[in-house]
Amino acid sequence: MSDFQGPAELRPDLAALRERCVLLHALLVHDPGELRLDGAGPVELYDVESGDQMTSATGAQAAALAEAAHAARVQRLRRFAVRSDIAFGDWDATRPWQRALIEHLAGARGA
């Protein structure tokens, strides 16, 4: 379970893990609220893991760009997972993790 925000979306790390296991599962954790950039004026964004900071615009155009970037990242990770034989899922963190995990495992078993 990860947000896959690391370098190259952690694909090299997933590939290395895949070589060492029989079956690898990967769940992209995201919170749709993080894509909402409503409001007036710029906001300061802070990454608690890296300490990086940046100023971002807000509004409908910024929200649309954030949604498109997220969708593209999910697609890149999904294509990589298929090529690498990794059971991949996209988990909306506003849902209980137990239910998301059970659904992911059930779907991976049927695939």
N, C-alpha and C. Protein backbone atom coordinates (compact mmCIF):
# COMPACT_ATOMS: atom_id res chain seq x y z
N MET A 1 0.85 -1.16 0.00
CA MET A 1 0.00 0.00 0.00
C MET A 1 0.90 1.22 0.00
N SER A 2 0.68 2.08 -0.96
CA SER A 2 1.52 3.26 -1.10
C SER A 2 0.79 4.31 -1.90
N ASP A 3 1.30 5.54 -1.83
CA ASP A 3 0.78 6.59 -2.70
C ASP A 3 1.59 6.64 -4.00
N PHE A 4 2.67 5.87 -4.07
CA PHE A 4 3.52 5.76 -5.24
C PHE A 4 3.99 7.13 -5.74
N GLN A 5 4.30 8.00 -4.80
CA GLN A 5 4.76 9.34 -5.14
C GLN A 5 6.28 9.43 -5.26
N GLY A 6 6.98 8.33 -5.05
CA GLY A 6 8.44 8.34 -5.12
C GLY A 6 8.94 8.48 -6.54
N PRO A 7 10.26 8.48 -6.70
CA PRO A 7 10.85 8.58 -8.03
C PRO A 7 10.33 7.47 -8.94
N ALA A 8 9.95 7.84 -10.15
CA ALA A 8 9.42 6.89 -11.16
C ALA A 8 8.25 6.09 -10.61
N GLU A 9 7.49 6.72 -9.70
CA GLU A 9 6.29 6.10 -9.11
C GLU A 9 6.60 4.75 -8.46
N LEU A 10 7.82 4.58 -8.01
CA LEU A 10 8.29 3.37 -7.33
C LEU A 10 8.27 2.14 -8.23
N ARG A 11 8.13 2.32 -9.54
CA ARG A 11 8.11 1.17 -10.43
C ARG A 11 9.39 0.34 -10.36
N PRO A 12 10.58 0.95 -10.28
CA PRO A 12 11.79 0.12 -10.13
C PRO A 12 11.76 -0.71 -8.84
N ASP A 13 11.23 -0.12 -7.77
CA ASP A 13 11.14 -0.85 -6.50
C ASP A 13 10.15 -2.00 -6.61
N LEU A 14 9.03 -1.77 -7.28
CA LEU A 14 8.05 -2.85 -7.48
C LEU A 14 8.65 -3.97 -8.32
N ALA A 15 9.40 -3.61 -9.36
CA ALA A 15 10.03 -4.63 -10.21
C ALA A 15 11.02 -5.46 -9.40
N ALA A 16 11.78 -4.81 -8.53
CA ALA A 16 12.74 -5.54 -7.70
C ALA A 16 12.02 -6.47 -6.73
N LEU A 17 10.92 -6.00 -6.15
CA LEU A 17 10.14 -6.85 -5.25
C LEU A 17 9.54 -8.03 -6.02
N ARG A 18 9.06 -7.76 -7.22
CA ARG A 18 8.40 -8.80 -8.01
C ARG A 18 9.33 -9.97 -8.28
N GLU A 19 10.62 -9.66 -8.48
CA GLU A 19 11.60 -10.72 -8.73
C GLU A 19 11.79 -11.64 -7.53
N ARG A 20 11.41 -11.19 -6.35
CA ARG A 20 11.69 -11.93 -5.12
C ARG A 20 10.45 -12.61 -4.53
N CYS A 21 9.33 -12.56 -5.24
CA CYS A 21 8.13 -13.17 -4.66
C CYS A 21 7.32 -13.89 -5.72
N VAL A 22 6.44 -14.74 -5.26
CA VAL A 22 5.59 -15.50 -6.16
C VAL A 22 4.47 -14.62 -6.70
N LEU A 23 3.86 -13.84 -5.84
CA LEU A 23 2.79 -12.94 -6.26
C LEU A 23 2.92 -11.65 -5.49
N LEU A 24 2.92 -10.54 -6.20
CA LEU A 24 3.03 -9.23 -5.58
C LEU A 24 1.73 -8.47 -5.76
N HIS A 25 1.26 -7.89 -4.67
CA HIS A 25 0.07 -7.04 -4.71
C HIS A 25 0.50 -5.61 -4.44
N ALA A 26 -0.10 -4.67 -5.15
CA ALA A 26 0.18 -3.25 -4.95
C ALA A 26 -1.14 -2.49 -4.94
N LEU A 27 -1.35 -1.70 -3.89
CA LEU A 27 -2.54 -0.86 -3.78
C LEU A 27 -2.13 0.59 -3.75
N LEU A 28 -2.62 1.35 -4.73
CA LEU A 28 -2.38 2.79 -4.77
C LEU A 28 -3.38 3.45 -3.83
N VAL A 29 -2.89 4.08 -2.79
CA VAL A 29 -3.74 4.76 -1.81
C VAL A 29 -3.89 6.22 -2.22
N HIS A 30 -5.12 6.66 -2.35
CA HIS A 30 -5.34 8.08 -2.64
C HIS A 30 -6.58 8.58 -1.91
N ASP A 31 -6.61 9.86 -1.67
CA ASP A 31 -7.75 10.52 -1.04
C ASP A 31 -8.29 11.54 -2.03
N PRO A 32 -9.51 11.33 -2.53
CA PRO A 32 -10.06 12.26 -3.52
C PRO A 32 -10.06 13.71 -3.03
N GLY A 33 -10.11 13.90 -1.74
CA GLY A 33 -10.09 15.26 -1.19
C GLY A 33 -8.80 15.99 -1.51
N GLU A 34 -7.73 15.25 -1.71
CA GLU A 34 -6.46 15.89 -2.05
C GLU A 34 -6.45 16.47 -3.45
N LEU A 35 -7.40 16.05 -4.28
CA LEU A 35 -7.47 16.56 -5.64
C LEU A 35 -8.37 17.79 -5.75
N ARG A 36 -9.09 18.10 -4.69
CA ARG A 36 -9.98 19.28 -4.69
C ARG A 36 -9.15 20.52 -4.39
N LEU A 37 -9.05 21.38 -5.35
CA LEU A 37 -8.28 22.60 -5.18
C LEU A 37 -9.21 23.80 -5.29
N ASP A 38 -10.32 23.71 -4.55
CA ASP A 38 -11.29 24.80 -4.55
C ASP A 38 -10.76 25.96 -3.73
N GLY A 39 -11.28 27.10 -4.00
CA GLY A 39 -10.91 28.26 -3.20
C GLY A 39 -10.32 29.36 -4.06
N ALA A 40 -10.00 30.41 -3.40
CA ALA A 40 -9.45 31.56 -4.10
C ALA A 40 -7.99 31.72 -3.72
N GLY A 41 -7.19 31.97 -4.71
CA GLY A 41 -5.79 32.26 -4.45
C GLY A 41 -4.95 31.02 -4.31
N PRO A 42 -3.65 31.21 -4.16
CA PRO A 42 -2.73 30.08 -4.06
C PRO A 42 -2.77 29.43 -2.67
N VAL A 43 -2.34 28.18 -2.62
CA VAL A 43 -2.21 27.45 -1.36
C VAL A 43 -0.80 26.91 -1.25
N GLU A 44 -0.32 26.75 -0.03
CA GLU A 44 0.99 26.17 0.22
C GLU A 44 0.81 24.67 0.44
N LEU A 45 1.52 23.86 -0.32
CA LEU A 45 1.48 22.42 -0.18
C LEU A 45 2.77 21.96 0.48
N TYR A 46 2.66 20.99 1.38
CA TYR A 46 3.81 20.50 2.12
C TYR A 46 3.79 18.99 2.13
N ASP A 47 4.89 18.36 1.70
CA ASP A 47 5.02 16.91 1.71
C ASP A 47 5.68 16.51 3.01
N VAL A 48 4.93 15.81 3.88
CA VAL A 48 5.45 15.47 5.20
C VAL A 48 6.58 14.44 5.13
N GLU A 49 6.63 13.63 4.07
CA GLU A 49 7.69 12.63 3.95
C GLU A 49 9.02 13.23 3.51
N SER A 50 8.97 14.13 2.53
CA SER A 50 10.21 14.68 1.98
C SER A 50 10.55 16.06 2.54
N GLY A 51 9.53 16.76 3.06
CA GLY A 51 9.74 18.12 3.53
C GLY A 51 9.65 19.14 2.41
N ASP A 52 9.40 18.69 1.19
CA ASP A 52 9.28 19.61 0.06
C ASP A 52 8.04 20.48 0.21
N GLN A 53 8.15 21.72 -0.25
CA GLN A 53 7.03 22.65 -0.23
C GLN A 53 6.89 23.29 -1.60
N MET A 54 5.66 23.67 -1.93
CA MET A 54 5.43 24.40 -3.16
C MET A 54 4.12 25.17 -3.05
N THR A 55 4.00 26.19 -3.84
CA THR A 55 2.77 26.97 -3.92
C THR A 55 2.00 26.50 -5.13
N SER A 56 0.70 26.31 -4.98
CA SER A 56 -0.13 25.82 -6.07
C SER A 56 -1.35 26.72 -6.25
N ALA A 57 -1.78 26.84 -7.48
CA ALA A 57 -3.01 27.57 -7.78
C ALA A 57 -4.21 26.75 -7.33
N THR A 58 -5.33 27.39 -7.18
CA THR A 58 -6.57 26.69 -6.84
C THR A 58 -7.63 27.06 -7.86
N GLY A 59 -8.75 26.35 -7.80
CA GLY A 59 -9.85 26.65 -8.70
C GLY A 59 -10.17 25.47 -9.59
N ALA A 60 -11.15 25.65 -10.45
CA ALA A 60 -11.65 24.56 -11.30
C ALA A 60 -10.59 24.05 -12.26
N GLN A 61 -9.80 24.93 -12.86
CA GLN A 61 -8.78 24.49 -13.80
C GLN A 61 -7.70 23.67 -13.09
N ALA A 62 -7.27 24.12 -11.92
CA ALA A 62 -6.27 23.38 -11.15
C ALA A 62 -6.81 22.02 -10.73
N ALA A 63 -8.07 21.97 -10.32
CA ALA A 63 -8.69 20.69 -9.92
C ALA A 63 -8.76 19.74 -11.10
N ALA A 64 -9.10 20.25 -12.28
CA ALA A 64 -9.17 19.41 -13.48
C ALA A 64 -7.78 18.87 -13.83
N LEU A 65 -6.76 19.69 -13.71
CA LEU A 65 -5.39 19.25 -13.97
C LEU A 65 -4.96 18.18 -12.97
N ALA A 66 -5.31 18.37 -11.70
CA ALA A 66 -4.97 17.38 -10.67
C ALA A 66 -5.66 16.06 -10.94
N GLU A 67 -6.93 16.09 -11.31
CA GLU A 67 -7.67 14.87 -11.64
C GLU A 67 -7.04 14.15 -12.83
N ALA A 68 -6.68 14.91 -13.86
CA ALA A 68 -6.08 14.31 -15.05
C ALA A 68 -4.72 13.69 -14.71
N ALA A 69 -3.93 14.37 -13.90
CA ALA A 69 -2.62 13.85 -13.51
C ALA A 69 -2.78 12.56 -12.70
N HIS A 70 -3.75 12.53 -11.80
CA HIS A 70 -4.00 11.32 -11.01
C HIS A 70 -4.44 10.16 -11.91
N ALA A 71 -5.36 10.43 -12.82
CA ALA A 71 -5.84 9.39 -13.73
C ALA A 71 -4.70 8.84 -14.58
N ALA A 72 -3.81 9.72 -15.04
CA ALA A 72 -2.67 9.29 -15.85
C ALA A 72 -1.71 8.43 -15.02
N ARG A 73 -1.50 8.80 -13.77
CA ARG A 73 -0.62 8.02 -12.90
C ARG A 73 -1.20 6.63 -12.65
N VAL A 74 -2.51 6.56 -12.39
CA VAL A 74 -3.16 5.26 -12.19
C VAL A 74 -3.00 4.40 -13.44
N GLN A 75 -3.20 4.99 -14.62
CA GLN A 75 -3.06 4.24 -15.87
C GLN A 75 -1.63 3.74 -16.07
N ARG A 76 -0.62 4.60 -15.80
CA ARG A 76 0.78 4.17 -15.94
C ARG A 76 1.08 3.00 -15.00
N LEU A 77 0.64 3.13 -13.75
CA LEU A 77 0.88 2.07 -12.78
C LEU A 77 0.14 0.79 -13.16
N ARG A 78 -1.08 0.92 -13.63
CA ARG A 78 -1.88 -0.25 -14.03
C ARG A 78 -1.21 -0.97 -15.21
N ARG A 79 -0.75 -0.22 -16.22
CA ARG A 79 -0.07 -0.84 -17.36
C ARG A 79 1.21 -1.54 -16.91
N PHE A 80 1.97 -0.87 -16.05
CA PHE A 80 3.20 -1.47 -15.52
C PHE A 80 2.88 -2.76 -14.77
N ALA A 81 1.84 -2.73 -13.95
CA ALA A 81 1.47 -3.90 -13.16
C ALA A 81 1.08 -5.07 -14.07
N VAL A 82 0.33 -4.79 -15.12
CA VAL A 82 -0.06 -5.86 -16.04
C VAL A 82 1.17 -6.46 -16.69
N ARG A 83 2.08 -5.62 -17.18
CA ARG A 83 3.32 -6.12 -17.82
C ARG A 83 4.18 -6.91 -16.84
N SER A 84 4.14 -6.53 -15.57
CA SER A 84 5.01 -7.13 -14.56
C SER A 84 4.35 -8.23 -13.75
N ASP A 85 3.10 -8.57 -14.09
CA ASP A 85 2.34 -9.59 -13.37
C ASP A 85 2.20 -9.24 -11.89
N ILE A 86 1.80 -8.01 -11.63
CA ILE A 86 1.56 -7.51 -10.27
C ILE A 86 0.05 -7.28 -10.13
N ALA A 87 -0.54 -7.80 -9.08
CA ALA A 87 -1.96 -7.56 -8.80
C ALA A 87 -2.09 -6.13 -8.28
N PHE A 88 -2.70 -5.26 -9.07
CA PHE A 88 -2.75 -3.82 -8.76
C PHE A 88 -4.17 -3.38 -8.48
N GLY A 89 -4.32 -2.49 -7.51
CA GLY A 89 -5.61 -1.89 -7.21
C GLY A 89 -5.43 -0.44 -6.83
N ASP A 90 -6.50 0.31 -6.95
CA ASP A 90 -6.53 1.74 -6.64
C ASP A 90 -7.52 1.93 -5.50
N TRP A 91 -7.03 2.29 -4.30
CA TRP A 91 -7.86 2.36 -3.11
C TRP A 91 -8.16 3.80 -2.73
N ASP A 92 -9.42 4.12 -2.68
CA ASP A 92 -9.91 5.42 -2.20
C ASP A 92 -9.88 5.36 -0.67
N ALA A 93 -8.97 6.10 -0.06
CA ALA A 93 -8.74 6.02 1.38
C ALA A 93 -9.89 6.53 2.23
N THR A 94 -10.94 7.06 1.61
CA THR A 94 -12.11 7.43 2.39
C THR A 94 -12.96 6.20 2.70
N ARG A 95 -12.66 5.08 2.05
CA ARG A 95 -13.35 3.81 2.33
C ARG A 95 -12.54 3.02 3.35
N PRO A 96 -13.18 2.20 4.15
CA PRO A 96 -12.45 1.39 5.12
C PRO A 96 -11.41 0.50 4.43
N TRP A 97 -10.20 0.47 4.98
CA TRP A 97 -9.11 -0.28 4.35
C TRP A 97 -9.40 -1.78 4.31
N GLN A 98 -10.10 -2.29 5.33
CA GLN A 98 -10.37 -3.72 5.37
C GLN A 98 -11.22 -4.15 4.17
N ARG A 99 -12.24 -3.36 3.89
CA ARG A 99 -13.12 -3.68 2.77
C ARG A 99 -12.38 -3.57 1.44
N ALA A 100 -11.57 -2.51 1.30
CA ALA A 100 -10.80 -2.32 0.07
C ALA A 100 -9.82 -3.47 -0.14
N LEU A 101 -9.18 -3.92 0.92
CA LEU A 101 -8.22 -5.01 0.82
C LEU A 101 -8.91 -6.31 0.44
N ILE A 102 -10.03 -6.62 1.07
CA ILE A 102 -10.77 -7.84 0.76
C ILE A 102 -11.24 -7.82 -0.70
N GLU A 103 -11.76 -6.68 -1.16
CA GLU A 103 -12.20 -6.57 -2.55
C GLU A 103 -11.03 -6.74 -3.51
N HIS A 104 -9.89 -6.13 -3.17
CA HIS A 104 -8.71 -6.27 -4.02
C HIS A 104 -8.26 -7.72 -4.11
N LEU A 105 -8.17 -8.40 -2.97
CA LEU A 105 -7.74 -9.80 -2.96
C LEU A 105 -8.71 -10.69 -3.71
N ALA A 106 -10.00 -10.46 -3.54
CA ALA A 106 -11.01 -11.25 -4.25
C ALA A 106 -10.90 -11.02 -5.75
N GLY A 107 -10.69 -9.78 -6.16
CA GLY A 107 -10.53 -9.48 -7.59
C GLY A 107 -9.26 -10.07 -8.17
N ALA A 108 -8.18 -10.04 -7.39
CA ALA A 108 -6.91 -10.59 -7.86
C ALA A 108 -6.99 -12.10 -8.01
N ARG A 109 -7.73 -12.73 -7.12
CA ARG A 109 -7.87 -14.19 -7.19
C ARG A 109 -8.63 -14.58 -8.45
N GLY A 110 -9.62 -13.78 -8.82
CA GLY A 110 -10.43 -14.09 -9.98
C GLY A 110 -9.77 -13.71 -11.29
N ALA A 111 -8.68 -12.94 -11.23
CA ALA A 111 -8.04 -12.48 -12.47
C ALA A 111 -7.15 -13.55 -13.07
